[in-house]
Amino acid sequence: MKYPSPSISGLKTIEKVSVKDQTLEQLKNYILSGVVPLGERLPSERALADALGVGRYSVREALKVLEAVGLVESRVGEGTFLTTNTGASFGRILGLSLATWGGTIIELLDARKMIEVEAARAAAERANAEQIEQIKAELDAMRANMDRGRAYLKADMNFHRRIGEASQNAIISSFVSNLIDLLEETLKEAHSDSLPAQAEGGGTHQAIFDAIARGDADAAGDLMRDHIQFSSEVWQTVISLTADTERKSTSDDD
């Protein structure tokens, strides 16, 4: 006798969580727990890796994201320290209204990954000398405005627009420009003037430019993919921090 198969519509696919994601989540919670006083040094990468049972690479990458958010700062030769302005960082994060804008930012970054990786590859293969100089000019402007939120953001966005133009494909250039326009407007609406500079450090931009300038299409594409992926991780952490802080605020009110 055959029995009808029961419905499985209520089940959801179990998501695979990477070691790096788990490391980031645990370190974030460790910092928010208050175990380490403001301004004090965190345990070494080795100690954190041993405690978590992961490699030092996973800890190092997670700390980079937390530094981009503004929770920790790395000091050469000294280690990683909890910032003294963590409260201000939370205030800034809450001011982003990410309950409204968070999903939009992540979707835009996802779309950028789909399009800008190939734009960077094409730029490395096709950019002329003038376009190389235009990209470099925006890189120089970013470096000169690291502490100026709006000025840095403008140069950052233009850096990506110039790469789209250097693809020598009008459709790709238009797609990149439209995506950047949307992202720039969203960031302004969310009042996030300083996070982009932290989330997309000049070092990664420099590496992308170098690959394009020397005509290395594979490296340019890979570096652009890593660059946007890192930005996505930073914003996801900011959104997570926002949710954690809002939950704590609601709990305290109760």
Protein backbone atom coordinates (compact mmCIF):
# COMPACT_ATOMS: atom_id res chain seq x y z
CA MET A 1 0.00 0.00 0.00
CA LYS A 2 1.35 3.41 -0.97
CA TYR A 3 1.01 6.32 1.42
CA PRO A 4 0.89 9.94 0.24
CA SER A 5 3.99 11.94 1.03
CA PRO A 6 3.39 14.51 3.80
CA SER A 7 3.88 18.17 3.01
CA ILE A 8 7.34 19.59 3.78
CA SER A 9 6.46 23.20 3.00
CA GLY A 10 7.08 24.27 6.61
CA LEU A 11 10.76 23.30 6.57
CA LYS A 12 13.51 25.76 5.79
CA THR A 13 16.96 25.10 4.36
CA ILE A 14 19.61 25.03 7.08
CA GLU A 15 22.14 27.75 6.37
CA LYS A 16 25.81 26.93 6.45
CA VAL A 17 27.69 29.37 8.64
CA SER A 18 31.38 29.84 7.90
CA VAL A 19 34.07 29.66 10.57
CA LYS A 20 34.88 33.33 9.91
CA ASP A 21 31.24 34.34 10.43
CA GLN A 22 31.05 32.40 13.70
CA THR A 23 34.33 33.93 14.83
CA LEU A 24 33.05 37.43 14.04
CA GLU A 25 29.81 36.82 15.94
CA GLN A 26 31.60 35.49 19.03
CA LEU A 27 34.15 38.29 19.10
CA LYS A 28 31.40 40.88 18.68
CA ASN A 29 29.49 39.40 21.63
CA TYR A 30 32.70 39.16 23.68
CA ILE A 31 33.36 42.88 23.17
CA LEU A 32 29.76 43.87 23.86
CA SER A 33 29.76 41.84 27.09
CA GLY A 34 31.99 44.44 28.74
CA VAL A 35 34.65 41.94 29.84
CA VAL A 36 37.34 44.18 28.35
CA PRO A 37 37.26 47.79 29.68
CA LEU A 38 37.14 50.64 27.17
CA GLY A 39 40.60 51.49 25.87
CA GLU A 40 42.15 48.25 27.09
CA ARG A 41 43.98 45.70 24.95
CA LEU A 42 42.21 42.59 23.75
CA PRO A 43 43.86 39.19 24.18
CA SER A 44 46.34 38.35 21.42
CA GLU A 45 45.21 36.85 18.14
CA ARG A 46 46.79 33.55 19.19
CA ALA A 47 44.97 33.55 22.53
CA LEU A 48 41.64 34.36 20.88
CA ALA A 49 42.20 31.70 18.21
CA ASP A 50 43.01 29.08 20.86
CA ALA A 51 39.96 30.01 22.94
CA LEU A 52 37.68 29.79 19.89
CA GLY A 53 39.34 26.72 18.41
CA VAL A 54 39.93 28.40 15.05
CA GLY A 55 42.91 29.56 13.02
CA ARG A 56 44.52 32.97 13.54
CA TYR A 57 43.46 33.96 10.01
CA SER A 58 39.77 33.77 10.98
CA VAL A 59 40.42 35.91 14.07
CA ARG A 60 42.47 38.42 12.07
CA GLU A 61 39.76 38.81 9.41
CA ALA A 62 37.04 39.20 12.05
CA LEU A 63 39.05 41.88 13.84
CA LYS A 64 39.43 43.78 10.56
CA VAL A 65 35.65 43.98 10.28
CA LEU A 66 35.28 45.10 13.90
CA GLU A 67 37.94 47.75 13.34
CA ALA A 68 36.10 49.01 10.26
CA VAL A 69 32.94 49.34 12.35
CA GLY A 70 34.88 51.32 14.96
CA LEU A 71 34.75 48.94 17.92
CA VAL A 72 38.46 48.16 18.02
CA GLU A 73 41.68 49.70 16.78
CA SER A 74 44.93 48.01 15.82
CA ARG A 75 48.22 49.52 17.01
CA VAL A 76 51.39 48.35 15.31
CA GLY A 77 53.60 46.47 17.75
CA GLU A 78 51.08 46.76 20.58
CA GLY A 79 48.03 44.72 19.64
CA THR A 80 44.32 45.37 19.25
CA PHE A 81 42.50 47.67 21.66
CA LEU A 82 38.86 48.32 22.43
CA THR A 83 38.14 51.91 21.37
CA THR A 84 37.34 54.47 24.02
CA ASN A 85 34.50 55.90 21.93
CA THR A 86 32.52 52.67 21.61
CA GLY A 87 29.46 54.43 22.97
CA ALA A 88 29.78 57.08 20.29
CA SER A 89 30.12 54.33 17.70
CA PHE A 90 26.86 52.79 18.84
CA GLY A 91 25.19 56.19 18.73
CA ARG A 92 26.39 56.69 15.17
CA ILE A 93 25.26 53.19 14.20
CA LEU A 94 21.79 53.79 15.64
CA GLY A 95 21.68 57.07 13.76
CA LEU A 96 21.97 55.19 10.47
CA SER A 97 18.34 54.01 10.72
CA LEU A 98 19.48 50.67 9.38
CA ALA A 99 16.15 49.08 10.18
CA THR A 100 15.09 50.95 7.04
CA TRP A 101 18.28 51.07 4.99
CA GLY A 102 20.23 47.94 5.97
CA GLY A 103 18.60 45.57 3.52
CA THR A 104 18.92 48.10 0.71
CA ILE A 105 22.65 48.52 1.30
CA ILE A 106 23.28 44.77 1.37
CA GLU A 107 21.30 44.22 -1.84
CA LEU A 108 23.19 47.02 -3.57
CA LEU A 109 26.51 45.53 -2.52
CA ASP A 110 25.36 42.14 -3.79
CA ALA A 111 24.47 43.67 -7.16
CA ARG A 112 27.82 45.47 -7.27
CA LYS A 113 29.63 42.18 -6.77
CA MET A 114 27.81 40.74 -9.77
CA ILE A 115 28.68 43.66 -12.06
CA GLU A 116 31.79 45.45 -10.81
CA VAL A 117 33.98 42.35 -10.70
CA GLU A 118 33.68 42.00 -14.47
CA ALA A 119 33.95 45.76 -14.93
CA ALA A 120 37.31 45.68 -13.14
CA ARG A 121 38.47 42.79 -15.30
CA ALA A 122 37.47 44.65 -18.46
CA ALA A 123 39.12 47.85 -17.25
CA ALA A 124 42.41 46.00 -16.74
CA GLU A 125 42.22 44.79 -20.32
CA ARG A 126 40.93 47.93 -22.05
CA ALA A 127 41.63 51.10 -20.04
CA ASN A 128 43.63 53.77 -21.87
CA ALA A 129 46.27 56.00 -20.27
CA GLU A 130 43.82 58.84 -19.63
CA GLN A 131 41.36 56.56 -17.86
CA ILE A 132 44.15 55.10 -15.72
CA GLU A 133 45.03 58.63 -14.64
CA GLN A 134 41.39 59.40 -13.85
CA ILE A 135 41.14 56.35 -11.59
CA LYS A 136 44.40 57.34 -9.88
CA ALA A 137 43.13 60.89 -9.33
CA GLU A 138 40.14 59.55 -7.37
CA LEU A 139 42.43 57.26 -5.38
CA ASP A 140 44.60 60.25 -4.48
CA ALA A 141 41.47 62.22 -3.48
CA MET A 142 40.38 59.40 -1.18
CA ARG A 143 43.79 59.30 0.46
CA ALA A 144 43.70 63.07 0.99
CA ASN A 145 40.24 62.96 2.58
CA MET A 146 40.37 59.93 4.89
CA ASP A 147 39.08 62.04 7.79
CA ARG A 148 36.43 63.89 5.77
CA GLY A 149 33.35 61.72 5.46
CA ARG A 150 31.49 63.33 2.59
CA ALA A 151 34.62 64.20 0.59
CA TYR A 152 35.96 60.67 0.99
CA LEU A 153 32.61 59.16 0.01
CA LYS A 154 32.48 61.27 -3.17
CA ALA A 155 35.99 60.21 -4.23
CA ASP A 156 35.27 56.59 -3.30
CA MET A 157 32.12 56.47 -5.41
CA ASN A 158 33.88 58.23 -8.30
CA PHE A 159 36.72 55.69 -8.14
CA HIS A 160 34.21 52.96 -8.95
CA ARG A 161 32.48 55.05 -11.61
CA ARG A 162 35.81 55.62 -13.37
CA ILE A 163 36.49 51.89 -13.39
CA GLY A 164 33.09 51.33 -15.00
CA GLU A 165 33.95 53.88 -17.68
CA ALA A 166 37.34 52.24 -18.24
CA SER A 167 35.60 48.97 -19.11
CA GLN A 168 35.02 50.61 -22.52
CA ASN A 169 31.49 49.18 -22.51
CA ALA A 170 28.73 51.79 -22.38
CA ILE A 171 26.17 49.35 -20.92
CA ILE A 172 28.48 48.16 -18.14
CA SER A 173 29.50 51.75 -17.42
CA SER A 174 25.84 52.74 -17.15
CA PHE A 175 25.03 49.82 -14.84
CA VAL A 176 27.97 50.65 -12.56
CA SER A 177 27.09 54.35 -12.50
CA ASN A 178 23.44 53.65 -11.65
CA LEU A 179 24.40 51.25 -8.85
CA ILE A 180 26.87 53.75 -7.39
CA ASP A 181 24.28 56.53 -7.63
CA LEU A 182 21.83 54.39 -5.66
CA LEU A 183 24.41 53.41 -3.06
CA GLU A 184 25.65 56.98 -2.62
CA GLU A 185 22.10 58.27 -2.16
CA THR A 186 21.28 55.49 0.30
CA LEU A 187 24.38 56.21 2.38
CA LYS A 188 23.54 59.92 2.48
CA GLU A 189 19.93 59.22 3.45
CA ALA A 190 21.19 56.92 6.21
CA HIS A 191 23.48 59.75 7.43
CA SER A 192 26.59 57.51 7.23
CA ASP A 193 29.37 59.92 6.43
CA SER A 194 32.34 58.20 8.03
CA LEU A 195 31.62 54.49 7.81
CA PRO A 196 32.41 54.16 4.09
CA ALA A 197 35.97 55.37 4.68
CA GLN A 198 36.43 52.77 7.39
CA ALA A 199 34.57 50.02 5.56
CA GLU A 200 36.57 50.35 2.36
CA GLY A 201 40.09 51.16 3.43
CA GLY A 202 42.40 52.80 0.89
CA GLY A 203 44.68 49.77 0.83
CA THR A 204 42.19 47.64 -1.08
CA HIS A 205 41.49 50.46 -3.53
CA GLN A 206 45.22 50.79 -4.14
CA ALA A 207 45.55 47.08 -4.90
CA ILE A 208 42.64 47.23 -7.37
CA PHE A 209 44.18 50.25 -9.11
CA ASP A 210 47.59 48.58 -9.31
CA ALA A 211 46.09 45.48 -10.94
CA ILE A 212 44.18 47.57 -13.50
CA ALA A 213 47.23 49.75 -14.22
CA ARG A 214 49.41 46.74 -14.96
CA GLY A 215 46.69 45.06 -17.04
CA ASP A 216 46.15 42.06 -14.75
CA ALA A 217 42.49 41.23 -15.38
CA ASP A 218 42.32 38.17 -13.10
CA ALA A 219 43.83 40.03 -10.15
CA ALA A 220 41.63 43.09 -10.74
CA GLY A 221 38.48 40.96 -10.71
CA ASP A 222 39.51 38.96 -7.64
CA LEU A 223 40.51 42.08 -5.72
CA MET A 224 37.25 43.84 -6.56
CA ARG A 225 35.30 40.78 -5.39
CA ASP A 226 37.22 40.68 -2.09
CA HIS A 227 36.79 44.44 -1.70
CA ILE A 228 33.00 44.37 -2.04
CA GLN A 229 32.73 41.21 0.06
CA PHE A 230 34.58 42.91 2.90
CA SER A 231 32.24 45.90 2.64
CA SER A 232 29.25 43.54 2.83
CA GLU A 233 30.65 41.93 5.98
CA VAL A 234 31.19 45.33 7.58
CA TRP A 235 27.63 46.47 6.85
CA GLN A 236 26.15 43.18 8.03
CA THR A 237 28.03 43.60 11.30
CA VAL A 238 26.79 47.19 11.65
CA ILE A 239 23.21 46.01 11.07
CA SER A 240 23.69 43.22 13.60
CA LEU A 241 25.07 45.68 16.16
CA THR A 242 22.11 47.95 15.55
CA ALA A 243 19.68 45.12 16.19
CA ASP A 244 21.58 44.04 19.34
CA THR A 245 21.60 47.58 20.71
CA GLU A 246 17.92 48.13 19.94
CA ARG A 247 17.02 44.84 21.67
CA LYS A 248 19.05 45.86 24.73
CA SER A 249 17.36 49.27 24.77
CA THR A 250 13.91 47.67 24.60
CA SER A 251 14.84 45.20 27.34
CA ASP A 252 16.08 48.01 29.60
CA ASP A 253 12.84 49.92 29.06
CA ASP A 254 10.84 46.86 30.14
